[in-house]
Amino acid sequence: MSDMPVEAPAGHDQNADQIAYWNGPGGQRWTDRQQMQDIMLAPIADILINRADVRTSERIVDIGCGCGAVAIALAEKVGPQGHVLGVDVSAPMLQRARQIAPKDTPVDFVLADATVYPFELASADLLVSRFGVMFFSEPAVSFANMRKVLRPSGRLTFVCWREPRENPWLMTPLQAVYQHVPKLPQLGPEDPGPFSFASEPRVRRILTQAGFSNIAMQPHDLALDIAIGRGLDAAVESALDIGPASRALEGQSAELREASRCSIREALVPFTTGQSVSLPAAIWIVTASVN
């Protein structure tokens, strides 16, 4: 972990809180756990890339690319005649993306807020995102700006989480933590956050307002091994490091953290088989086109 200060990108005023979060300890935690998170989310990355129908030589923009796993995989798909641009507001995550991208891979990364970034007009065939579009304060404005990068035949494919109750992989540890600490502030259904795109009518309205058409949303259920094959204790550490349980414990005492650790462990035992701790997850696979 570097002690050097990072510079946050200029962005839309109402995205300032999210930019600060992803350039602070929150973004650093994701960066530190990059390899483990990429392994855990690999099944979803595969679903996204397959649904995007990536073709050789295409030009792709990955929104909210984080530490770059999807962007790098897409670059391998499009080959040397194609190109992938990863866009994210998190300087530490992009630093990691540049570190892990193989040399000569046709991928570049830019530190920017996609709401205001001056994309090269009509230069891309495909916009993709793995959980990178739910944090915009005014998503219709953000998507309208992103749409400008697409050619007239351009496509959009992204994945986002469905309702919290359909995602025990996140909510089971959080409910365990709530036995010991106050609940997180209640987010409104349209406030930026991991579940802000859970509502199908809302997503359709946003994309329609932004100028997209042929909008389709397919629900997909799967299980995520939050231990990534390393056992129950690793699953507990994962819940403590990243996600809503981690946020609920920020600033809490060592005693409360230890009590929460024990409760999370107890809650995860029923989901444990061997070295795996697999919990249900639920996503939308969203596709749309420019025309």
C-alpha atoms as a PDB file:
ATOM      1  CA  MET A   1       0.000   0.000   0.000  1.00  0.00           C
ATOM      2  CA  SER A   2       1.473   3.326  -1.086  1.00  0.00           C
ATOM      3  CA  ASP A   3       1.632   6.308   1.294  1.00  0.00           C
ATOM      4  CA  MET A   4       1.749   8.721  -1.629  1.00  0.00           C
ATOM      5  CA  PRO A   5      -1.283  11.012  -1.874  1.00  0.00           C
ATOM      6  CA  VAL A   6      -3.618  10.378  -4.760  1.00  0.00           C
ATOM      7  CA  GLU A   7      -5.350  13.027  -6.779  1.00  0.00           C
ATOM      8  CA  ALA A   8      -9.093  12.642  -7.263  1.00  0.00           C
ATOM      9  CA  PRO A   9     -10.545  13.484 -10.663  1.00  0.00           C
ATOM     10  CA  ALA A  10     -12.672  16.496 -11.411  1.00  0.00           C
ATOM     11  CA  GLY A  11     -16.275  15.370 -11.575  1.00  0.00           C
ATOM     12  CA  HIS A  12     -19.922  16.298 -11.455  1.00  0.00           C
ATOM     13  CA  ASP A  13     -20.534  18.259  -8.229  1.00  0.00           C
ATOM     14  CA  GLN A  14     -23.176  15.839  -6.989  1.00  0.00           C
ATOM     15  CA  ASN A  15     -20.819  12.875  -7.387  1.00  0.00           C
ATOM     16  CA  ALA A  16     -18.293  14.393  -4.953  1.00  0.00           C
ATOM     17  CA  ASP A  17     -19.122  12.055  -2.064  1.00  0.00           C
ATOM     18  CA  GLN A  18     -18.666   8.957  -4.212  1.00  0.00           C
ATOM     19  CA  ILE A  19     -15.402  10.289  -5.670  1.00  0.00           C
ATOM     20  CA  ALA A  20     -14.115  10.935  -2.147  1.00  0.00           C
ATOM     21  CA  TYR A  21     -15.134   7.435  -1.000  1.00  0.00           C
ATOM     22  CA  TRP A  22     -13.449   5.605  -3.875  1.00  0.00           C
ATOM     23  CA  ASN A  23     -10.258   7.666  -3.428  1.00  0.00           C
ATOM     24  CA  GLY A  24     -10.214   7.111   0.337  1.00  0.00           C
ATOM     25  CA  PRO A  25     -10.046   4.044   2.579  1.00  0.00           C
ATOM     26  CA  GLY A  26     -12.995   2.436   0.748  1.00  0.00           C
ATOM     27  CA  GLY A  27     -11.233   2.427  -2.601  1.00  0.00           C
ATOM     28  CA  GLN A  28      -7.989   1.330  -0.966  1.00  0.00           C
ATOM     29  CA  ARG A  29      -9.698  -1.689   0.627  1.00  0.00           C
ATOM     30  CA  TRP A  30     -10.978  -2.798  -2.774  1.00  0.00           C
ATOM     31  CA  THR A  31      -7.498  -2.282  -4.220  1.00  0.00           C
ATOM     32  CA  ASP A  32      -5.875  -4.318  -1.452  1.00  0.00           C
ATOM     33  CA  ARG A  33      -8.357  -7.156  -2.052  1.00  0.00           C
ATOM     34  CA  GLN A  34      -8.233  -6.887  -5.854  1.00  0.00           C
ATOM     35  CA  GLN A  35      -7.114 -10.438  -6.551  1.00  0.00           C
ATOM     36  CA  MET A  36      -9.618 -12.025  -4.169  1.00  0.00           C
ATOM     37  CA  GLN A  37     -12.520  -9.871  -5.378  1.00  0.00           C
ATOM     38  CA  ASP A  38     -11.740 -10.645  -9.010  1.00  0.00           C
ATOM     39  CA  ILE A  39     -11.770 -14.380  -8.251  1.00  0.00           C
ATOM     40  CA  MET A  40     -15.066 -14.122  -6.379  1.00  0.00           C
ATOM     41  CA  LEU A  41     -16.751 -12.025  -9.076  1.00  0.00           C
ATOM     42  CA  ALA A  42     -15.263 -13.978 -12.016  1.00  0.00           C
ATOM     43  CA  PRO A  43     -18.542 -15.848 -12.713  1.00  0.00           C
ATOM     44  CA  ILE A  44     -20.304 -12.498 -13.139  1.00  0.00           C
ATOM     45  CA  ALA A  45     -17.524 -11.123 -15.325  1.00  0.00           C
ATOM     46  CA  ASP A  46     -17.913 -14.191 -17.559  1.00  0.00           C
ATOM     47  CA  ILE A  47     -21.679 -13.654 -17.811  1.00  0.00           C
ATOM     48  CA  LEU A  48     -21.166  -9.989 -18.703  1.00  0.00           C
ATOM     49  CA  ILE A  49     -18.531 -10.629 -21.359  1.00  0.00           C
ATOM     50  CA  ASN A  50     -20.518 -13.454 -22.951  1.00  0.00           C
ATOM     51  CA  ARG A  51     -23.701 -11.373 -23.079  1.00  0.00           C
ATOM     52  CA  ALA A  52     -21.834  -8.392 -24.534  1.00  0.00           C
ATOM     53  CA  ASP A  53     -21.062 -10.476 -27.647  1.00  0.00           C
ATOM     54  CA  VAL A  54     -17.596  -8.962 -28.002  1.00  0.00           C
ATOM     55  CA  ARG A  55     -16.077  -9.116 -31.464  1.00  0.00           C
ATOM     56  CA  THR A  56     -12.523  -8.908 -32.714  1.00  0.00           C
ATOM     57  CA  SER A  57     -11.263  -5.377 -33.440  1.00  0.00           C
ATOM     58  CA  GLU A  58     -14.074  -3.648 -31.530  1.00  0.00           C
ATOM     59  CA  ARG A  59     -13.537  -0.518 -29.471  1.00  0.00           C
ATOM     60  CA  ILE A  60     -14.999  -0.768 -25.972  1.00  0.00           C
ATOM     61  CA  VAL A  61     -15.423   1.563 -23.006  1.00  0.00           C
ATOM     62  CA  ASP A  62     -15.605  -0.039 -19.523  1.00  0.00           C
ATOM     63  CA  ILE A  63     -17.386   2.279 -17.065  1.00  0.00           C
ATOM     64  CA  GLY A  64     -16.383   1.999 -13.410  1.00  0.00           C
ATOM     65  CA  CYS A  65     -13.633  -0.406 -14.397  1.00  0.00           C
ATOM     66  CA  GLY A  66     -12.091  -0.518 -10.918  1.00  0.00           C
ATOM     67  CA  CYS A  67      -8.924  -2.599 -10.799  1.00  0.00           C
ATOM     68  CA  GLY A  68      -9.306  -3.520 -14.450  1.00  0.00           C
ATOM     69  CA  ALA A  69     -10.170  -7.233 -14.558  1.00  0.00           C
ATOM     70  CA  VAL A  70     -13.065  -6.880 -17.004  1.00  0.00           C
ATOM     71  CA  ALA A  71     -11.284  -4.295 -19.159  1.00  0.00           C
ATOM     72  CA  ILE A  72      -8.226  -6.543 -19.466  1.00  0.00           C
ATOM     73  CA  ALA A  73     -10.361  -9.585 -20.334  1.00  0.00           C
ATOM     74  CA  LEU A  74     -12.194  -7.545 -22.966  1.00  0.00           C
ATOM     75  CA  ALA A  75      -8.891  -6.336 -24.437  1.00  0.00           C
ATOM     76  CA  GLU A  76      -7.825  -9.942 -24.897  1.00  0.00           C
ATOM     77  CA  LYS A  77     -11.104 -10.566 -26.746  1.00  0.00           C
ATOM     78  CA  VAL A  78     -10.836  -7.644 -29.171  1.00  0.00           C
ATOM     79  CA  GLY A  79      -7.193  -8.360 -30.004  1.00  0.00           C
ATOM     80  CA  PRO A  80      -4.471  -6.008 -31.225  1.00  0.00           C
ATOM     81  CA  GLN A  81      -6.751  -4.315 -33.764  1.00  0.00           C
ATOM     82  CA  GLY A  82      -9.271  -3.410 -31.061  1.00  0.00           C
ATOM     83  CA  HIS A  83      -9.056  -1.220 -27.973  1.00  0.00           C
ATOM     84  CA  VAL A  84     -10.549  -0.943 -24.492  1.00  0.00           C
ATOM     85  CA  LEU A  85     -10.743   2.240 -22.418  1.00  0.00           C
ATOM     86  CA  GLY A  86     -11.336   1.744 -18.698  1.00  0.00           C
ATOM     87  CA  VAL A  87     -12.855   4.729 -16.885  1.00  0.00           C
ATOM     88  CA  ASP A  88     -13.026   5.093 -13.106  1.00  0.00           C
ATOM     89  CA  VAL A  89     -12.959   7.797 -10.421  1.00  0.00           C
ATOM     90  CA  SER A  90     -10.652   5.791  -8.102  1.00  0.00           C
ATOM     91  CA  ALA A  91      -6.966   6.604  -8.414  1.00  0.00           C
ATOM     92  CA  PRO A  92      -5.782   3.686  -6.244  1.00  0.00           C
ATOM     93  CA  MET A  93      -7.867   1.178  -8.178  1.00  0.00           C
ATOM     94  CA  LEU A  94      -6.638   2.473 -11.539  1.00  0.00           C
ATOM     95  CA  GLN A  95      -3.065   2.325 -10.305  1.00  0.00           C
ATOM     96  CA  ARG A  96      -3.600  -1.375  -9.626  1.00  0.00           C
ATOM     97  CA  ALA A  97      -5.265  -1.845 -13.031  1.00  0.00           C
ATOM     98  CA  ARG A  98      -2.197  -0.431 -14.778  1.00  0.00           C
ATOM     99  CA  GLN A  99       0.042  -2.705 -12.712  1.00  0.00           C
ATOM    100  CA  ILE A 100      -1.774  -5.935 -13.588  1.00  0.00           C
ATOM    101  CA  ALA A 101      -2.510  -5.212 -17.271  1.00  0.00           C
ATOM    102  CA  PRO A 102      -0.148  -7.367 -19.372  1.00  0.00           C
ATOM    103  CA  LYS A 103       2.276  -5.433 -21.518  1.00  0.00           C
ATOM    104  CA  ASP A 104       1.083  -4.745 -25.083  1.00  0.00           C
ATOM    105  CA  THR A 105      -2.556  -5.391 -24.153  1.00  0.00           C
ATOM    106  CA  PRO A 106      -4.745  -2.894 -26.082  1.00  0.00           C
ATOM    107  CA  VAL A 107      -6.169  -1.266 -22.949  1.00  0.00           C
ATOM    108  CA  ASP A 108      -5.827   2.205 -21.440  1.00  0.00           C
ATOM    109  CA  PHE A 109      -7.201   3.613 -18.211  1.00  0.00           C
ATOM    110  CA  VAL A 110      -8.385   7.130 -17.483  1.00  0.00           C
ATOM    111  CA  LEU A 111      -9.124   8.718 -14.103  1.00  0.00           C
ATOM    112  CA  ALA A 112     -12.435  10.457 -14.763  1.00  0.00           C
ATOM    113  CA  ASP A 113     -16.095  10.850 -13.843  1.00  0.00           C
ATOM    114  CA  ALA A 114     -18.045   9.405 -16.774  1.00  0.00           C
ATOM    115  CA  THR A 115     -20.797  11.967 -16.102  1.00  0.00           C
ATOM    116  CA  VAL A 116     -18.628  14.807 -17.416  1.00  0.00           C
ATOM    117  CA  TYR A 117     -15.696  13.151 -19.208  1.00  0.00           C
ATOM    118  CA  PRO A 118     -15.293  14.458 -22.789  1.00  0.00           C
ATOM    119  CA  PHE A 119     -15.527  11.139 -24.606  1.00  0.00           C
ATOM    120  CA  GLU A 120     -14.431  10.997 -28.234  1.00  0.00           C
ATOM    121  CA  LEU A 121     -17.745  11.205 -30.064  1.00  0.00           C
ATOM    122  CA  ALA A 122     -19.047   8.114 -31.885  1.00  0.00           C
ATOM    123  CA  SER A 123     -15.777   6.246 -31.368  1.00  0.00           C
ATOM    124  CA  ALA A 124     -16.850   3.050 -29.590  1.00  0.00           C
ATOM    125  CA  ASP A 125     -18.866  -0.040 -30.471  1.00  0.00           C
ATOM    126  CA  LEU A 126     -19.723  -1.092 -26.935  1.00  0.00           C
ATOM    127  CA  LEU A 127     -20.203   0.313 -23.441  1.00  0.00           C
ATOM    128  CA  VAL A 128     -19.882  -2.229 -20.608  1.00  0.00           C
ATOM    129  CA  SER A 129     -19.876  -2.140 -16.830  1.00  0.00           C
ATOM    130  CA  ARG A 130     -19.609  -4.636 -13.997  1.00  0.00           C
ATOM    131  CA  PHE A 131     -21.271  -2.865 -11.067  1.00  0.00           C
ATOM    132  CA  GLY A 132     -19.852   0.526 -12.038  1.00  0.00           C
ATOM    133  CA  VAL A 133     -22.978   2.502 -12.927  1.00  0.00           C
ATOM    134  CA  MET A 134     -25.040   2.494  -9.700  1.00  0.00           C
ATOM    135  CA  PHE A 135     -23.181   5.322  -7.990  1.00  0.00           C
ATOM    136  CA  PHE A 136     -24.077   8.321 -10.154  1.00  0.00           C
ATOM    137  CA  SER A 137     -26.122  11.062  -8.489  1.00  0.00           C
ATOM    138  CA  GLU A 138     -27.947  11.873 -11.735  1.00  0.00           C
ATOM    139  CA  PRO A 139     -27.657   8.663 -13.740  1.00  0.00           C
ATOM    140  CA  ALA A 140     -29.730   9.836 -16.712  1.00  0.00           C
ATOM    141  CA  VAL A 141     -27.252  12.707 -17.171  1.00  0.00           C
ATOM    142  CA  SER A 142     -24.333  10.292 -16.799  1.00  0.00           C
ATOM    143  CA  PHE A 143     -25.719   7.812 -19.333  1.00  0.00           C
ATOM    144  CA  ALA A 144     -26.531  10.597 -21.786  1.00  0.00           C
ATOM    145  CA  ASN A 145     -22.887  11.631 -21.687  1.00  0.00           C
ATOM    146  CA  MET A 146     -21.672   8.040 -22.022  1.00  0.00           C
ATOM    147  CA  ARG A 147     -24.004   7.463 -24.950  1.00  0.00           C
ATOM    148  CA  LYS A 148     -22.077  10.079 -26.942  1.00  0.00           C
ATOM    149  CA  VAL A 149     -19.079   7.743 -27.218  1.00  0.00           C
ATOM    150  CA  LEU A 150     -21.112   5.101 -29.049  1.00  0.00           C
ATOM    151  CA  ARG A 151     -21.371   4.816 -32.801  1.00  0.00           C
ATOM    152  CA  PRO A 152     -24.861   4.696 -34.344  1.00  0.00           C
ATOM    153  CA  SER A 153     -24.697   0.889 -34.183  1.00  0.00           C
ATOM    154  CA  GLY A 154     -23.378   0.963 -30.629  1.00  0.00           C
ATOM    155  CA  ARG A 155     -24.430  -1.352 -27.792  1.00  0.00           C
ATOM    156  CA  LEU A 156     -24.665  -1.166 -24.015  1.00  0.00           C
ATOM    157  CA  THR A 157     -24.281  -4.147 -21.658  1.00  0.00           C
ATOM    158  CA  PHE A 158     -23.936  -3.960 -17.897  1.00  0.00           C
ATOM    159  CA  VAL A 159     -24.676  -5.908 -14.734  1.00  0.00           C
ATOM    160  CA  CYS A 160     -26.116  -4.478 -11.532  1.00  0.00           C
ATOM    161  CA  TRP A 161     -27.441  -5.925  -8.296  1.00  0.00           C
ATOM    162  CA  ARG A 162     -31.112  -6.731  -7.736  1.00  0.00           C
ATOM    163  CA  GLU A 163     -32.864  -6.143  -4.396  1.00  0.00           C
ATOM    164  CA  PRO A 164     -30.888  -6.494  -1.136  1.00  0.00           C
ATOM    165  CA  ARG A 165     -33.114  -9.335   0.073  1.00  0.00           C
ATOM    166  CA  GLU A 166     -32.143 -11.309  -3.047  1.00  0.00           C
ATOM    167  CA  ASN A 167     -28.437 -10.913  -2.223  1.00  0.00           C
ATOM    168  CA  PRO A 168     -27.749 -12.795   1.028  1.00  0.00           C
ATOM    169  CA  TRP A 169     -24.032 -12.821   0.198  1.00  0.00           C
ATOM    170  CA  LEU A 170     -24.025  -9.164   1.277  1.00  0.00           C
ATOM    171  CA  MET A 171     -26.976  -9.017   3.650  1.00  0.00           C
ATOM    172  CA  THR A 172     -26.295 -12.073   5.834  1.00  0.00           C
ATOM    173  CA  PRO A 173     -23.039 -10.628   7.265  1.00  0.00           C
ATOM    174  CA  LEU A 174     -24.696  -7.219   7.632  1.00  0.00           C
ATOM    175  CA  GLN A 175     -27.608  -8.608   9.642  1.00  0.00           C
ATOM    176  CA  ALA A 176     -25.099 -10.361  11.895  1.00  0.00           C
ATOM    177  CA  VAL A 177     -23.263  -7.086  12.477  1.00  0.00           C
ATOM    178  CA  TYR A 178     -26.532  -5.323  13.294  1.00  0.00           C
ATOM    179  CA  GLN A 179     -26.720  -7.423  16.460  1.00  0.00           C
ATOM    180  CA  HIS A 180     -23.942  -5.189  17.797  1.00  0.00           C
ATOM    181  CA  VAL A 181     -23.876  -1.797  16.029  1.00  0.00           C
ATOM    182  CA  PRO A 182     -26.431   0.760  14.804  1.00  0.00           C
ATOM    183  CA  LYS A 183     -27.915   0.311  11.367  1.00  0.00           C
ATOM    184  CA  LEU A 184     -26.450   2.234   8.448  1.00  0.00           C
ATOM    185  CA  PRO A 185     -28.390   5.330   7.336  1.00  0.00           C
ATOM    186  CA  GLN A 186     -31.341   4.254   5.212  1.00  0.00           C
ATOM    187  CA  LEU A 187     -30.736   5.020   1.544  1.00  0.00           C
ATOM    188  CA  GLY A 188     -33.612   6.110  -0.618  1.00  0.00           C
ATOM    189  CA  PRO A 189     -34.392   3.822  -3.583  1.00  0.00           C
ATOM    190  CA  GLU A 190     -32.762   6.301  -5.975  1.00  0.00           C
ATOM    191  CA  ASP A 191     -29.777   7.313  -3.817  1.00  0.00           C
ATOM    192  CA  PRO A 192     -26.382   6.249  -5.208  1.00  0.00           C
ATOM    193  CA  GLY A 193     -25.340   2.869  -3.875  1.00  0.00           C
ATOM    194  CA  PRO A 194     -24.953  -0.801  -4.771  1.00  0.00           C
ATOM    195  CA  PHE A 195     -28.719  -1.406  -4.991  1.00  0.00           C
ATOM    196  CA  SER A 196     -29.803   1.833  -6.680  1.00  0.00           C
ATOM    197  CA  PHE A 197     -30.438  -0.013  -9.976  1.00  0.00           C
ATOM    198  CA  ALA A 198     -32.460  -2.824  -8.397  1.00  0.00           C
ATOM    199  CA  SER A 199     -35.747  -1.428  -9.744  1.00  0.00           C
ATOM    200  CA  GLU A 200     -36.415  -2.480 -13.330  1.00  0.00           C
ATOM    201  CA  PRO A 201     -38.804   0.460 -14.023  1.00  0.00           C
ATOM    202  CA  ARG A 202     -36.192   2.912 -12.760  1.00  0.00           C
ATOM    203  CA  VAL A 203     -33.402   1.489 -14.930  1.00  0.00           C
ATOM    204  CA  ARG A 204     -35.653   1.522 -17.982  1.00  0.00           C
ATOM    205  CA  ARG A 205     -36.637   5.139 -17.274  1.00  0.00           C
ATOM    206  CA  ILE A 206     -33.002   6.240 -16.865  1.00  0.00           C
ATOM    207  CA  LEU A 207     -31.836   4.595 -20.072  1.00  0.00           C
ATOM    208  CA  THR A 208     -34.819   5.880 -22.048  1.00  0.00           C
ATOM    209  CA  GLN A 209     -34.202   9.414 -20.813  1.00  0.00           C
ATOM    210  CA  ALA A 210     -30.550   9.069 -21.824  1.00  0.00           C
ATOM    211  CA  GLY A 211     -31.524   8.130 -25.379  1.00  0.00           C
ATOM    212  CA  PHE A 212     -31.109   4.362 -25.390  1.00  0.00           C
ATOM    213  CA  SER A 213     -33.580   1.956 -26.981  1.00  0.00           C
ATOM    214  CA  ASN A 214     -34.180  -1.803 -27.233  1.00  0.00           C
ATOM    215  CA  ILE A 215     -33.705  -2.006 -23.473  1.00  0.00           C
ATOM    216  CA  ALA A 216     -33.773  -5.539 -22.046  1.00  0.00           C
ATOM    217  CA  MET A 217     -33.260  -6.677 -18.456  1.00  0.00           C
ATOM    218  CA  GLN A 218     -32.733 -10.327 -17.646  1.00  0.00           C
ATOM    219  CA  PRO A 219     -32.598 -11.519 -14.019  1.00  0.00           C
ATOM    220  CA  HIS A 220     -29.856 -13.988 -13.239  1.00  0.00           C
ATOM    221  CA  ASP A 221     -29.380 -15.935 -10.009  1.00  0.00           C
ATOM    222  CA  LEU A 222     -26.107 -17.473  -8.924  1.00  0.00           C
ATOM    223  CA  ALA A 223     -24.031 -18.310  -5.856  1.00  0.00           C
ATOM    224  CA  LEU A 224     -20.848 -16.512  -4.854  1.00  0.00           C
ATOM    225  CA  ASP A 225     -18.160 -18.234  -2.809  1.00  0.00           C
ATOM    226  CA  ILE A 226     -17.116 -15.392  -0.529  1.00  0.00           C
ATOM    227  CA  ALA A 227     -14.328 -17.609   0.827  1.00  0.00           C
ATOM    228  CA  ILE A 228     -12.953 -18.241  -2.697  1.00  0.00           C
ATOM    229  CA  GLY A 229     -12.123 -21.780  -1.579  1.00  0.00           C
ATOM    230  CA  ARG A 230     -10.105 -20.701   1.455  1.00  0.00           C
ATOM    231  CA  GLY A 231     -12.488 -21.645   4.247  1.00  0.00           C
ATOM    232  CA  LEU A 232     -14.874 -20.074   6.740  1.00  0.00           C
ATOM    233  CA  ASP A 233     -12.359 -17.729   8.370  1.00  0.00           C
ATOM    234  CA  ALA A 234     -11.466 -16.247   4.972  1.00  0.00           C
ATOM    235  CA  ALA A 235     -15.170 -15.647   4.300  1.00  0.00           C
ATOM    236  CA  VAL A 236     -15.496 -13.792   7.598  1.00  0.00           C
ATOM    237  CA  GLU A 237     -12.497 -11.611   6.754  1.00  0.00           C
ATOM    238  CA  SER A 238     -13.996 -10.855   3.351  1.00  0.00           C
ATOM    239  CA  ALA A 239     -17.226  -9.649   4.950  1.00  0.00           C
ATOM    240  CA  LEU A 240     -15.293  -7.524   7.427  1.00  0.00           C
ATOM    241  CA  ASP A 241     -13.142  -5.921   4.731  1.00  0.00           C
ATOM    242  CA  ILE A 242     -15.618  -5.053   1.970  1.00  0.00           C
ATOM    243  CA  GLY A 243     -19.338  -4.442   1.660  1.00  0.00           C
ATOM    244  CA  PRO A 244     -22.098  -3.106   3.899  1.00  0.00           C
ATOM    245  CA  ALA A 245     -20.970  -5.041   6.981  1.00  0.00           C
ATOM    246  CA  SER A 246     -17.590  -3.361   6.665  1.00  0.00           C
ATOM    247  CA  ARG A 247     -19.234   0.059   6.375  1.00  0.00           C
ATOM    248  CA  ALA A 248     -21.409  -0.571   9.425  1.00  0.00           C
ATOM    249  CA  LEU A 249     -18.310  -1.344  11.503  1.00  0.00           C
ATOM    250  CA  GLU A 250     -16.318   1.749  10.493  1.00  0.00           C
ATOM    251  CA  GLY A 251     -15.176   3.589  13.604  1.00  0.00           C
ATOM    252  CA  GLN A 252     -16.437   0.935  16.006  1.00  0.00           C
ATOM    253  CA  SER A 253     -14.421  -0.368  18.951  1.00  0.00           C
ATOM    254  CA  ALA A 254     -12.229  -3.462  18.866  1.00  0.00           C
ATOM    255  CA  GLU A 255     -14.658  -5.173  21.228  1.00  0.00           C
ATOM    256  CA  LEU A 256     -17.645  -4.587  18.945  1.00  0.00           C
ATOM    257  CA  ARG A 257     -15.650  -5.664  15.917  1.00  0.00           C
ATOM    258  CA  GLU A 258     -14.681  -8.912  17.619  1.00  0.00           C
ATOM    259  CA  ALA A 259     -18.262  -9.580  18.689  1.00  0.00           C
ATOM    260  CA  SER A 260     -19.385  -8.887  15.120  1.00  0.00           C
ATOM    261  CA  ARG A 261     -16.728 -11.229  13.776  1.00  0.00           C
ATOM    262  CA  CYS A 262     -18.104 -14.038  15.932  1.00  0.00           C
ATOM    263  CA  SER A 263     -21.680 -13.336  14.831  1.00  0.00           C
ATOM    264  CA  ILE A 264     -20.716 -13.250  11.138  1.00  0.00           C
ATOM    265  CA  ARG A 265     -18.908 -16.552  11.536  1.00  0.00           C
ATOM    266  CA  GLU A 266     -21.950 -18.136  13.149  1.00  0.00           C
ATOM    267  CA  ALA A 267     -24.238 -16.778  10.415  1.00  0.00           C
ATOM    268  CA  LEU A 268     -22.034 -18.181   7.651  1.00  0.00           C
ATOM    269  CA  VAL A 269     -21.667 -21.703   9.037  1.00  0.00           C
ATOM    270  CA  PRO A 270     -24.885 -22.967   7.336  1.00  0.00           C
ATOM    271  CA  PHE A 271     -23.501 -21.875   3.948  1.00  0.00           C
ATOM    272  CA  THR A 272     -20.175 -23.653   4.399  1.00  0.00           C
ATOM    273  CA  THR A 273     -19.274 -26.767   2.429  1.00  0.00           C
ATOM    274  CA  GLY A 274     -15.666 -27.815   2.765  1.00  0.00           C
ATOM    275  CA  GLN A 275     -13.541 -24.753   2.044  1.00  0.00           C
ATOM    276  CA  SER A 276     -16.312 -22.898   0.184  1.00  0.00           C
ATOM    277  CA  VAL A 277     -18.850 -20.493   1.679  1.00  0.00           C
ATOM    278  CA  SER A 278     -21.392 -19.949  -1.101  1.00  0.00           C
ATOM    279  CA  LEU A 279     -24.320 -17.580  -0.696  1.00  0.00           C
ATOM    280  CA  PRO A 280     -27.067 -16.571  -3.153  1.00  0.00           C
ATOM    281  CA  ALA A 281     -26.582 -13.510  -5.327  1.00  0.00           C
ATOM    282  CA  ALA A 282     -28.962 -11.871  -7.797  1.00  0.00           C
ATOM    283  CA  ILE A 283     -28.120  -9.566 -10.698  1.00  0.00           C
ATOM    284  CA  TRP A 284     -29.743  -7.859 -13.651  1.00  0.00           C
ATOM    285  CA  ILE A 285     -28.101  -8.257 -17.050  1.00  0.00           C
ATOM    286  CA  VAL A 286     -29.032  -5.043 -18.870  1.00  0.00           C
ATOM    287  CA  THR A 287     -28.655  -4.526 -22.613  1.00  0.00           C
ATOM    288  CA  ALA A 288     -29.616  -1.615 -24.846  1.00  0.00           C
ATOM    289  CA  SER A 289     -28.650   0.047 -28.098  1.00  0.00           C
ATOM    290  CA  VAL A 290     -28.278   3.552 -29.470  1.00  0.00           C
ATOM    291  CA  ASN A 291     -30.929   3.096 -32.156  1.00  0.00           C
END
